[in-house]
PDB file of N, CA and C in Angstrom:
ATOM      1  N   MET A   1     -64.834 101.449 -10.827  1.00  0.00           N
ATOM      2  CA  MET A   1     -64.050 102.331 -11.677  1.00  0.00           C
ATOM      3  C   MET A   1     -64.292 103.770 -11.236  1.00  0.00           C
ATOM      4  N   ASP A   2     -63.229 104.538 -11.202  1.00  0.00           N
ATOM      5  CA  ASP A   2     -63.341 105.953 -10.853  1.00  0.00           C
ATOM      6  C   ASP A   2     -64.191 106.665 -11.900  1.00  0.00           C
ATOM      7  N   LEU A   3     -64.965 107.643 -11.455  1.00  0.00           N
ATOM      8  CA  LEU A   3     -65.878 108.355 -12.353  1.00  0.00           C
ATOM      9  C   LEU A   3     -65.153 109.083 -13.475  1.00  0.00           C
ATOM     10  N   TRP A   4     -63.958 109.561 -13.230  1.00  0.00           N
ATOM     11  CA  TRP A   4     -63.216 110.301 -14.244  1.00  0.00           C
ATOM     12  C   TRP A   4     -62.781 109.416 -15.397  1.00  0.00           C
ATOM     13  N   LYS A   5     -62.666 108.120 -15.168  1.00  0.00           N
ATOM     14  CA  LYS A   5     -62.119 107.228 -16.192  1.00  0.00           C
ATOM     15  C   LYS A   5     -62.952 107.208 -17.467  1.00  0.00           C
ATOM     16  N   SER A   6     -64.260 107.261 -17.362  1.00  0.00           N
ATOM     17  CA  SER A   6     -65.069 107.231 -18.578  1.00  0.00           C
ATOM     18  C   SER A   6     -64.803 108.469 -19.432  1.00  0.00           C
ATOM     19  N   HIS A   7     -64.644 109.625 -18.790  1.00  0.00           N
ATOM     20  CA  HIS A   7     -64.323 110.844 -19.536  1.00  0.00           C
ATOM     21  C   HIS A   7     -62.950 110.724 -20.191  1.00  0.00           C
ATOM     22  N   VAL A   8     -61.961 110.350 -19.405  1.00  0.00           N
ATOM     23  CA  VAL A   8     -60.591 110.267 -19.923  1.00  0.00           C
ATOM     24  C   VAL A   8     -60.480 109.174 -20.986  1.00  0.00           C
ATOM     25  N   ASN A   9     -61.104 108.033 -20.755  1.00  0.00           N
ATOM     26  CA  ASN A   9     -61.050 106.962 -21.752  1.00  0.00           C
ATOM     27  C   ASN A   9     -61.666 107.407 -23.075  1.00  0.00           C
ATOM     28  N   GLY A  10     -62.777 108.145 -23.014  1.00  0.00           N
ATOM     29  CA  GLY A  10     -63.403 108.655 -24.235  1.00  0.00           C
ATOM     30  C   GLY A  10     -62.486 109.611 -24.973  1.00  0.00           C
ATOM     31  N   ILE A  11     -61.814 110.458 -24.223  1.00  0.00           N
ATOM     32  CA  ILE A  11     -60.890 111.409 -24.834  1.00  0.00           C
ATOM     33  C   ILE A  11     -59.697 110.668 -25.439  1.00  0.00           C
ATOM     34  N   LEU A  12     -59.129 109.732 -24.682  1.00  0.00           N
ATOM     35  CA  LEU A  12     -57.974 108.985 -25.186  1.00  0.00           C
ATOM     36  C   LEU A  12     -58.334 108.147 -26.406  1.00  0.00           C
ATOM     37  N   TYR A  13     -59.538 107.595 -26.416  1.00  0.00           N
ATOM     38  CA  TYR A  13     -59.991 106.849 -27.589  1.00  0.00           C
ATOM     39  C   TYR A  13     -60.016 107.765 -28.808  1.00  0.00           C
ATOM     40  N   GLY A  14     -60.445 108.995 -28.597  1.00  0.00           N
ATOM     41  CA  GLY A  14     -60.544 109.952 -29.700  1.00  0.00           C
ATOM     42  C   GLY A  14     -59.210 110.455 -30.219  1.00  0.00           C
ATOM     43  N   VAL A  15     -58.142 110.299 -29.432  1.00  0.00           N
ATOM     44  CA  VAL A  15     -56.829 110.794 -29.865  1.00  0.00           C
ATOM     45  C   VAL A  15     -55.829 109.671 -30.107  1.00  0.00           C
ATOM     46  N   GLN A  16     -56.297 108.436 -30.053  1.00  0.00           N
ATOM     47  CA  GLN A  16     -55.364 107.309 -30.126  1.00  0.00           C
ATOM     48  C   GLN A  16     -54.545 107.251 -31.410  1.00  0.00           C
ATOM     49  N   PHE A  17     -55.049 107.798 -32.500  1.00  0.00           N
ATOM     50  CA  PHE A  17     -54.326 107.729 -33.766  1.00  0.00           C
ATOM     51  C   PHE A  17     -53.561 109.017 -34.087  1.00  0.00           C
ATOM     52  N   ASP A  18     -53.666 110.009 -33.221  1.00  0.00           N
ATOM     53  CA  ASP A  18     -52.894 111.230 -33.420  1.00  0.00           C
ATOM     54  C   ASP A  18     -51.434 110.947 -33.084  1.00  0.00           C
ATOM     55  N   GLN A  19     -50.551 111.361 -33.973  1.00  0.00           N
ATOM     56  CA  GLN A  19     -49.122 111.128 -33.760  1.00  0.00           C
ATOM     57  C   GLN A  19     -48.593 111.923 -32.569  1.00  0.00           C
ATOM     58  N   VAL A  20     -49.050 113.163 -32.449  1.00  0.00           N
ATOM     59  CA  VAL A  20     -48.580 114.070 -31.404  1.00  0.00           C
ATOM     60  C   VAL A  20     -49.790 114.745 -30.782  1.00  0.00           C
ATOM     61  N   LEU A  21     -49.776 114.881 -29.473  1.00  0.00           N
ATOM     62  CA  LEU A  21     -50.873 115.559 -28.773  1.00  0.00           C
ATOM     63  C   LEU A  21     -50.529 117.043 -28.657  1.00  0.00           C
ATOM     64  N   ASP A  22     -50.701 117.752 -29.762  1.00  0.00           N
ATOM     65  CA  ASP A  22     -50.306 119.156 -29.832  1.00  0.00           C
ATOM     66  C   ASP A  22     -51.521 120.075 -29.661  1.00  0.00           C
ATOM     67  N   ASP A  23     -51.289 121.361 -29.873  1.00  0.00           N
ATOM     68  CA  ASP A  23     -52.352 122.360 -29.705  1.00  0.00           C
ATOM     69  C   ASP A  23     -53.536 122.114 -30.630  1.00  0.00           C
ATOM     70  N   THR A  24     -53.279 121.591 -31.820  1.00  0.00           N
ATOM     71  CA  THR A  24     -54.355 121.297 -32.763  1.00  0.00           C
ATOM     72  C   THR A  24     -55.291 120.237 -32.192  1.00  0.00           C
ATOM     73  N   VAL A  25     -54.723 119.226 -31.567  1.00  0.00           N
ATOM     74  CA  VAL A  25     -55.528 118.150 -30.972  1.00  0.00           C
ATOM     75  C   VAL A  25     -56.274 118.688 -29.748  1.00  0.00           C
ATOM     76  N   VAL A  26     -55.614 119.511 -28.950  1.00  0.00           N
ATOM     77  CA  VAL A  26     -56.281 120.122 -27.790  1.00  0.00           C
ATOM     78  C   VAL A  26     -57.501 120.908 -28.257  1.00  0.00           C
ATOM     79  N   THR A  27     -57.339 121.718 -29.280  1.00  0.00           N
ATOM     80  CA  THR A  27     -58.447 122.527 -29.798  1.00  0.00           C
ATOM     81  C   THR A  27     -59.554 121.642 -30.340  1.00  0.00           C
ATOM     82  N   ARG A  28     -59.196 120.609 -31.093  1.00  0.00           N
ATOM     83  CA  ARG A  28     -60.200 119.707 -31.663  1.00  0.00           C
ATOM     84  C   ARG A  28     -61.021 119.023 -30.568  1.00  0.00           C
ATOM     85  N   VAL A  29     -60.353 118.543 -29.525  1.00  0.00           N
ATOM     86  CA  VAL A  29     -61.068 117.863 -28.447  1.00  0.00           C
ATOM     87  C   VAL A  29     -61.895 118.856 -27.629  1.00  0.00           C
ATOM     88  N   ALA A  30     -61.341 120.018 -27.340  1.00  0.00           N
ATOM     89  CA  ALA A  30     -62.100 121.038 -26.597  1.00  0.00           C
ATOM     90  C   ALA A  30     -63.353 121.433 -27.372  1.00  0.00           C
ATOM     91  N   ASP A  31     -63.214 121.613 -28.677  1.00  0.00           N
ATOM     92  CA  ASP A  31     -64.380 121.931 -29.508  1.00  0.00           C
ATOM     93  C   ASP A  31     -65.379 120.778 -29.494  1.00  0.00           C
ATOM     94  N   GLY A  32     -64.873 119.552 -29.493  1.00  0.00           N
ATOM     95  CA  GLY A  32     -65.743 118.377 -29.443  1.00  0.00           C
ATOM     96  C   GLY A  32     -66.509 118.287 -28.136  1.00  0.00           C
ATOM     97  N   VAL A  33     -65.848 118.612 -27.036  1.00  0.00           N
ATOM     98  CA  VAL A  33     -66.530 118.619 -25.733  1.00  0.00           C
ATOM     99  C   VAL A  33     -67.632 119.670 -25.757  1.00  0.00           C
ATOM    100  N   THR A  34     -67.306 120.858 -26.244  1.00  0.00           N
ATOM    101  CA  THR A  34     -68.273 121.957 -26.309  1.00  0.00           C
ATOM    102  C   THR A  34     -69.458 121.596 -27.208  1.00  0.00           C
ATOM    103  N   ALA A  35     -69.194 120.869 -28.289  1.00  0.00           N
ATOM    104  CA  ALA A  35     -70.245 120.490 -29.236  1.00  0.00           C
ATOM    105  C   ALA A  35     -71.034 119.258 -28.798  1.00  0.00           C
ATOM    106  N   GLY A  36     -70.657 118.651 -27.669  1.00  0.00           N
ATOM    107  CA  GLY A  36     -71.379 117.488 -27.172  1.00  0.00           C
ATOM    108  C   GLY A  36     -70.939 116.164 -27.782  1.00  0.00           C
ATOM    109  N   LEU A  37     -69.762 116.133 -28.394  1.00  0.00           N
ATOM    110  CA  LEU A  37     -69.265 114.890 -28.999  1.00  0.00           C
ATOM    111  C   LEU A  37     -68.656 113.945 -27.969  1.00  0.00           C
ATOM    112  N   TYR A  38     -68.416 114.446 -26.781  1.00  0.00           N
ATOM    113  CA  TYR A  38     -67.890 113.639 -25.673  1.00  0.00           C
ATOM    114  C   TYR A  38     -68.912 113.685 -24.552  1.00  0.00           C
ATOM    115  N   PRO A  39     -68.939 112.674 -23.684  1.00  0.00           N
ATOM    116  CA  PRO A  39     -69.899 112.705 -22.573  1.00  0.00           C
ATOM    117  C   PRO A  39     -69.576 113.833 -21.595  1.00  0.00           C
ATOM    118  N   GLY A  40     -70.583 114.506 -21.140  1.00  0.00           N
ATOM    119  CA  GLY A  40     -70.409 115.577 -20.170  1.00  0.00           C
ATOM    120  C   GLY A  40     -70.185 116.930 -20.819  1.00  0.00           C
ATOM    121  N   ASN A  41     -70.528 117.967 -20.077  1.00  0.00           N
ATOM    122  CA  ASN A  41     -70.305 119.318 -20.565  1.00  0.00           C
ATOM    123  C   ASN A  41     -68.897 119.780 -20.179  1.00  0.00           C
ATOM    124  N   ARG A  42     -68.610 121.038 -20.465  1.00  0.00           N
ATOM    125  CA  ARG A  42     -67.259 121.561 -20.180  1.00  0.00           C
ATOM    126  C   ARG A  42     -66.892 121.423 -18.713  1.00  0.00           C
ATOM    127  N   ALA A  43     -67.800 121.825 -17.833  1.00  0.00           N
ATOM    128  CA  ALA A  43     -67.506 121.798 -16.394  1.00  0.00           C
ATOM    129  C   ALA A  43     -67.302 120.361 -15.902  1.00  0.00           C
ATOM    130  N   GLU A  44     -68.154 119.457 -16.331  1.00  0.00           N
ATOM    131  CA  GLU A  44     -68.014 118.049 -15.919  1.00  0.00           C
ATOM    132  C   GLU A  44     -66.714 117.454 -16.436  1.00  0.00           C
ATOM    133  N   THR A  45     -66.369 117.777 -17.660  1.00  0.00           N
ATOM    134  CA  THR A  45     -65.128 117.255 -18.241  1.00  0.00           C
ATOM    135  C   THR A  45     -63.928 117.845 -17.524  1.00  0.00           C
ATOM    136  N   ARG A  46     -63.961 119.144 -17.241  1.00  0.00           N
ATOM    137  CA  ARG A  46     -62.866 119.775 -16.503  1.00  0.00           C
ATOM    138  C   ARG A  46     -62.698 119.143 -15.129  1.00  0.00           C
ATOM    139  N   GLU A  47     -63.806 118.874 -14.453  1.00  0.00           N
ATOM    140  CA  GLU A  47     -63.756 118.228 -13.131  1.00  0.00           C
ATOM    141  C   GLU A  47     -63.150 116.831 -13.251  1.00  0.00           C
ATOM    142  N   ALA A  48     -63.574 116.081 -14.258  1.00  0.00           N
ATOM    143  CA  ALA A  48     -63.035 114.732 -14.470  1.00  0.00           C
ATOM    144  C   ALA A  48     -61.538 114.787 -14.769  1.00  0.00           C
ATOM    145  N   LEU A  49     -61.115 115.761 -15.568  1.00  0.00           N
ATOM    146  CA  LEU A  49     -59.692 115.905 -15.882  1.00  0.00           C
ATOM    147  C   LEU A  49     -58.900 116.235 -14.626  1.00  0.00           C
ATOM    148  N   GLY A  50     -59.445 117.096 -13.789  1.00  0.00           N
ATOM    149  CA  GLY A  50     -58.779 117.428 -12.529  1.00  0.00           C
ATOM    150  C   GLY A  50     -58.607 116.211 -11.644  1.00  0.00           C
ATOM    151  N   GLN A  51     -59.665 115.400 -11.546  1.00  0.00           N
ATOM    152  CA  GLN A  51     -59.584 114.168 -10.749  1.00  0.00           C
ATOM    153  C   GLN A  51     -58.537 113.221 -11.321  1.00  0.00           C
ATOM    154  N   ALA A  52     -58.535 113.083 -12.623  1.00  0.00           N
ATOM    155  CA  ALA A  52     -57.577 112.192 -13.278  1.00  0.00           C
ATOM    156  C   ALA A  52     -56.154 112.650 -13.025  1.00  0.00           C
ATOM    157  N   LEU A  53     -55.921 113.943 -13.159  1.00  0.00           N
ATOM    158  CA  LEU A  53     -54.567 114.463 -13.006  1.00  0.00           C
ATOM    159  C   LEU A  53     -54.072 114.386 -11.565  1.00  0.00           C
ATOM    160  N   ARG A  54     -54.983 114.295 -10.609  1.00  0.00           N
ATOM    161  CA  ARG A  54     -54.586 114.112  -9.214  1.00  0.00           C
ATOM    162  C   ARG A  54     -54.290 112.643  -8.905  1.00  0.00           C
ATOM    163  N   CYS A  55     -54.689 111.758  -9.785  1.00  0.00           N
ATOM    164  CA  CYS A  55     -54.472 110.319  -9.599  1.00  0.00           C
ATOM    165  C   CYS A  55     -52.998 110.003  -9.860  1.00  0.00           C
ATOM    166  N   SER A  56     -52.431 109.162  -9.024  1.00  0.00           N
ATOM    167  CA  SER A  56     -51.014 108.820  -9.195  1.00  0.00           C
ATOM    168  C   SER A  56     -50.807 107.641 -10.145  1.00  0.00           C
ATOM    169  N   GLY A  57     -51.851 106.907 -10.437  1.00  0.00           N
ATOM    170  CA  GLY A  57     -51.731 105.737 -11.309  1.00  0.00           C
ATOM    171  C   GLY A  57     -51.740 106.118 -12.777  1.00  0.00           C
ATOM    172  N   PRO A  58     -51.548 105.127 -13.639  1.00  0.00           N
ATOM    173  CA  PRO A  58     -51.551 105.394 -15.087  1.00  0.00           C
ATOM    174  C   PRO A  58     -52.937 105.820 -15.569  1.00  0.00           C
ATOM    175  N   LEU A  59     -52.957 106.755 -16.500  1.00  0.00           N
ATOM    176  CA  LEU A  59     -54.229 107.265 -17.011  1.00  0.00           C
ATOM    177  C   LEU A  59     -54.715 106.517 -18.241  1.00  0.00           C
ATOM    178  N   ASN A  60     -53.853 105.749 -18.845  1.00  0.00           N
ATOM    179  CA  ASN A  60     -54.264 105.020 -20.057  1.00  0.00           C
ATOM    180  C   ASN A  60     -54.231 103.510 -19.852  1.00  0.00           C
ATOM    181  N   ASP A  61     -54.564 103.075 -18.666  1.00  0.00           N
ATOM    182  CA  ASP A  61     -54.534 101.630 -18.383  1.00  0.00           C
ATOM    183  C   ASP A  61     -55.694 100.881 -19.026  1.00  0.00           C
ATOM    184  N   GLN A  62     -56.747 101.580 -19.418  1.00  0.00           N
ATOM    185  CA  GLN A  62     -57.884 100.909 -20.056  1.00  0.00           C
ATOM    186  C   GLN A  62     -58.028 101.277 -21.524  1.00  0.00           C
ATOM    187  N   ALA A  63     -57.584 102.445 -21.896  1.00  0.00           N
ATOM    188  CA  ALA A  63     -57.663 102.889 -23.292  1.00  0.00           C
ATOM    189  C   ALA A  63     -56.240 103.172 -23.743  1.00  0.00           C
ATOM    190  N   GLU A  64     -55.494 102.129 -23.986  1.00  0.00           N
ATOM    191  CA  GLU A  64     -54.088 102.289 -24.314  1.00  0.00           C
ATOM    192  C   GLU A  64     -53.897 103.075 -25.607  1.00  0.00           C
ATOM    193  N   THR A  65     -52.905 103.950 -25.577  1.00  0.00           N
ATOM    194  CA  THR A  65     -52.547 104.749 -26.740  1.00  0.00           C
ATOM    195  C   THR A  65     -51.036 104.651 -26.932  1.00  0.00           C
ATOM    196  N   ARG A  66     -50.572 105.180 -28.017  1.00  0.00           N
ATOM    197  CA  ARG A  66     -49.131 105.207 -28.295  1.00  0.00           C
ATOM    198  C   ARG A  66     -48.419 106.276 -27.495  1.00  0.00           C
ATOM    199  N   HIS A  67     -49.153 107.094 -26.791  1.00  0.00           N
ATOM    200  CA  HIS A  67     -48.595 108.245 -26.098  1.00  0.00           C
ATOM    201  C   HIS A  67     -48.105 107.868 -24.699  1.00  0.00           C
ATOM    202  N   SER A  68     -47.028 108.500 -24.295  1.00  0.00           N
ATOM    203  CA  SER A  68     -46.468 108.251 -22.967  1.00  0.00           C
ATOM    204  C   SER A  68     -47.377 108.849 -21.890  1.00  0.00           C
ATOM    205  N   GLU A  69     -47.201 108.376 -20.684  1.00  0.00           N
ATOM    206  CA  GLU A  69     -47.958 108.911 -19.552  1.00  0.00           C
ATOM    207  C   GLU A  69     -47.695 110.418 -19.405  1.00  0.00           C
ATOM    208  N   GLU A  70     -46.454 110.825 -19.561  1.00  0.00           N
ATOM    209  CA  GLU A  70     -46.090 112.238 -19.465  1.00  0.00           C
ATOM    210  C   GLU A  70     -46.800 113.059 -20.538  1.00  0.00           C
ATOM    211  N   SER A  71     -46.837 112.543 -21.755  1.00  0.00           N
ATOM    212  CA  SER A  71     -47.496 113.233 -22.866  1.00  0.00           C
ATOM    213  C   SER A  71     -48.998 113.337 -22.614  1.00  0.00           C
ATOM    214  N   ILE A  72     -49.594 112.276 -22.114  1.00  0.00           N
ATOM    215  CA  ILE A  72     -51.035 112.282 -21.825  1.00  0.00           C
ATOM    216  C   ILE A  72     -51.347 113.293 -20.727  1.00  0.00           C
ATOM    217  N   ARG A  73     -50.565 113.293 -19.679  1.00  0.00           N
ATOM    218  CA  ARG A  73     -50.803 114.235 -18.578  1.00  0.00           C
ATOM    219  C   ARG A  73     -50.657 115.686 -19.052  1.00  0.00           C
ATOM    220  N   SER A  74     -49.649 115.948 -19.856  1.00  0.00           N
ATOM    221  CA  SER A  74     -49.467 117.294 -20.393  1.00  0.00           C
ATOM    222  C   SER A  74     -50.657 117.684 -21.265  1.00  0.00           C
ATOM    223  N   PHE A  75     -51.096 116.786 -22.116  1.00  0.00           N
ATOM    224  CA  PHE A  75     -52.251 117.023 -22.983  1.00  0.00           C
ATOM    225  C   PHE A  75     -53.504 117.303 -22.152  1.00  0.00           C
ATOM    226  N   LEU A  76     -53.742 116.515 -21.123  1.00  0.00           N
ATOM    227  CA  LEU A  76     -54.937 116.709 -20.298  1.00  0.00           C
ATOM    228  C   LEU A  76     -54.881 118.030 -19.534  1.00  0.00           C
ATOM    229  N   HIS A  77     -53.684 118.447 -19.109  1.00  0.00           N
ATOM    230  CA  HIS A  77     -53.530 119.769 -18.475  1.00  0.00           C
ATOM    231  C   HIS A  77     -53.915 120.863 -19.474  1.00  0.00           C
ATOM    232  N   GLN A  78     -53.400 120.760 -20.697  1.00  0.00           N
ATOM    233  CA  GLN A  78     -53.705 121.754 -21.729  1.00  0.00           C
ATOM    234  C   GLN A  78     -55.194 121.754 -22.062  1.00  0.00           C
ATOM    235  N   LEU A  79     -55.785 120.568 -22.137  1.00  0.00           N
ATOM    236  CA  LEU A  79     -57.208 120.462 -22.444  1.00  0.00           C
ATOM    237  C   LEU A  79     -58.039 121.100 -21.325  1.00  0.00           C
ATOM    238  N   SER A  80     -57.671 120.834 -20.092  1.00  0.00           N
ATOM    239  CA  SER A  80     -58.388 121.428 -18.966  1.00  0.00           C
ATOM    240  C   SER A  80     -58.328 122.947 -19.046  1.00  0.00           C
ATOM    241  N   ALA A  81     -57.163 123.488 -19.359  1.00  0.00           N
ATOM    242  CA  ALA A  81     -57.028 124.934 -19.495  1.00  0.00           C
ATOM    243  C   ALA A  81     -57.887 125.467 -20.639  1.00  0.00           C
ATOM    244  N   ALA A  82     -57.943 124.714 -21.746  1.00  0.00           N
ATOM    245  CA  ALA A  82     -58.741 125.131 -22.899  1.00  0.00           C
ATOM    246  C   ALA A  82     -60.240 125.116 -22.585  1.00  0.00           C
ATOM    247  N   LEU A  83     -60.644 124.279 -21.640  1.00  0.00           N
ATOM    248  CA  LEU A  83     -62.053 124.169 -21.274  1.00  0.00           C
ATOM    249  C   LEU A  83     -62.451 125.147 -20.157  1.00  0.00           C
ATOM    250  N   THR A  84     -61.477 125.851 -19.621  1.00  0.00           N
ATOM    251  CA  THR A  84     -61.756 126.811 -18.555  1.00  0.00           C
ATOM    252  C   THR A  84     -62.300 128.091 -19.165  1.00  0.00           C
ATOM    253  N   PRO A  85     -63.486 128.505 -18.726  1.00  0.00           N
ATOM    254  CA  PRO A  85     -64.053 129.732 -19.307  1.00  0.00           C
ATOM    255  C   PRO A  85     -63.193 130.947 -18.947  1.00  0.00           C
ATOM    256  N   PRO A  86     -63.150 131.905 -19.865  1.00  0.00           N
ATOM    257  CA  PRO A  86     -62.374 133.119 -19.563  1.00  0.00           C
ATOM    258  C   PRO A  86     -62.992 133.859 -18.381  1.00  0.00           C
ATOM    259  N   SER A  87     -62.127 134.501 -17.589  1.00  0.00           N
ATOM    260  CA  SER A  87     -62.652 135.255 -16.453  1.00  0.00           C
ATOM    261  C   SER A  87     -63.277 136.556 -16.934  1.00  0.00           C
ATOM    262  N   PRO A  88     -64.380 136.912 -16.287  1.00  0.00           N
ATOM    263  CA  PRO A  88     -65.038 138.168 -16.665  1.00  0.00           C
ATOM    264  C   PRO A  88     -64.161 139.369 -16.295  1.00  0.00           C
ATOM    265  N   CYS A  89     -64.290 140.402 -17.036  1.00  0.00           N
ATOM    266  CA  CYS A  89     -63.493 141.626 -16.795  1.00  0.00           C
ATOM    267  C   CYS A  89     -64.028 142.394 -15.626  1.00  0.00           C
TER     268      CYS A  89
END
């Protein structure tokens, strides 16, 4: 199994009952990553998300959700951006 899958599966498990993967869900998951509720720190999770998003196969093949592949990919892009530290001035 690809290393990114455990990160993505954990995230997808956490959002499986959300009707829509909107900004509120992105914020909740980003805060959860920061608080240690998901495996890995921000940088590790961001790296895993990057690997997942470069993968051409389905991202929810092991942790099926009601969300489309397009919706999941968009959500993971937004989550990755939310986990990116602000650039110093």
